[in-house]
């Protein structure tokens, strides 16, 4: 994974980020917690340390899945939320 410094912050952010709009399933299919956990963990395993989420994604379920991921991992993970 390649990383870049985020502006003047000094933070090293992965060039690829993970958007969580559909992290728990397909459009209109409902949220699949296990699928979300697998996707999130595989992304971090691949070196992604920048995740984009929002409270409107699956009625906050995506944000909750991201929070659970962060609590379960030791890597420094950066979150963009709206």
Protein backbone atom coordinates (compact mmCIF):
# COMPACT_ATOMS: atom_id res chain seq x y z
CA UNK A 1 0.00 0.00 0.00
CA UNK A 2 1.21 3.50 -0.75
CA UNK A 3 0.71 6.30 1.75
CA UNK A 4 0.67 10.07 1.48
CA UNK A 5 0.95 12.81 4.06
CA UNK A 6 -2.41 14.49 4.62
CA UNK A 7 -1.79 18.21 4.15
CA UNK A 8 0.21 19.70 7.02
CA UNK A 9 -1.10 17.18 9.58
CA UNK A 10 1.80 14.76 9.28
CA UNK A 11 -0.70 11.87 9.11
CA UNK A 12 0.26 9.06 6.73
CA UNK A 13 -2.96 8.12 4.93
CA UNK A 14 -3.36 5.20 2.53
CA UNK A 15 -3.79 6.29 -1.08
CA UNK A 16 -6.79 3.98 -1.27
CA UNK A 17 -9.62 4.50 1.16
CA UNK A 18 -12.65 2.39 1.94
CA UNK A 19 -16.08 3.93 1.50
CA UNK A 20 -18.70 2.25 3.67
CA UNK A 21 -21.91 3.20 1.87
CA UNK A 22 -22.53 -0.44 0.87
CA UNK A 23 -20.15 -2.18 3.26
CA UNK A 24 -22.94 -4.28 4.80
CA UNK A 25 -24.73 -5.37 1.65
CA UNK A 26 -26.22 -4.40 -1.67
CA UNK A 27 -28.53 -1.46 -2.25
CA UNK A 28 -31.84 -2.20 -0.54
CA UNK A 29 -30.76 -5.62 0.75
CA UNK A 30 -30.43 -4.77 4.43
CA UNK A 31 -27.27 -4.76 6.51
CA UNK A 32 -25.16 -7.90 6.83
CA UNK A 33 -22.97 -7.47 9.91
CA UNK A 34 -20.67 -10.41 9.12
CA UNK A 35 -20.11 -9.19 5.56
CA UNK A 36 -19.29 -5.70 6.86
CA UNK A 37 -16.79 -7.09 9.39
CA UNK A 38 -15.10 -9.18 6.70
CA UNK A 39 -14.81 -6.26 4.27
CA UNK A 40 -13.49 -3.87 6.93
CA UNK A 41 -10.92 -6.33 8.28
CA UNK A 42 -9.71 -7.30 4.81
CA UNK A 43 -9.25 -3.62 3.95
CA UNK A 44 -7.12 -3.01 7.05
CA UNK A 45 -5.20 -6.25 6.43
CA UNK A 46 -4.39 -4.88 2.95
CA UNK A 47 -2.98 -1.68 4.47
CA UNK A 48 -5.96 0.67 4.15
CA UNK A 49 -6.00 3.05 7.10
CA UNK A 50 -8.52 5.62 5.84
CA UNK A 51 -12.25 4.86 6.02
CA UNK A 52 -15.10 7.09 4.88
CA UNK A 53 -18.50 6.72 6.54
CA UNK A 54 -21.65 8.65 7.47
CA UNK A 55 -24.45 8.23 9.95
CA UNK A 56 -26.99 7.92 7.12
CA UNK A 57 -25.37 4.75 5.71
CA UNK A 58 -27.76 1.96 6.66
CA UNK A 59 -29.19 3.96 9.57
CA UNK A 60 -25.83 4.26 11.41
CA UNK A 61 -25.04 0.56 11.06
CA UNK A 62 -21.99 1.26 8.90
CA UNK A 63 -20.60 3.69 11.47
CA UNK A 64 -21.20 1.15 14.24
CA UNK A 65 -19.35 -1.50 12.24
CA UNK A 66 -16.42 0.90 11.72
CA UNK A 67 -16.38 1.68 15.45
CA UNK A 68 -16.28 -2.03 16.28
CA UNK A 69 -13.41 -2.48 13.83
CA UNK A 70 -11.39 0.33 15.39
CA UNK A 71 -11.85 -1.11 18.88
CA UNK A 72 -10.70 -4.54 17.68
CA UNK A 73 -7.54 -3.50 15.81
CA UNK A 74 -4.20 -2.07 16.89
CA UNK A 75 -3.44 -0.23 13.66
CA UNK A 76 -3.96 3.52 13.49
CA UNK A 77 -7.11 4.00 11.41
CA UNK A 78 -8.35 7.40 10.26
CA UNK A 79 -12.04 8.09 9.78
CA UNK A 80 -13.80 10.67 7.61
CA UNK A 81 -17.46 11.05 8.53
CA UNK A 82 -20.19 13.40 7.46
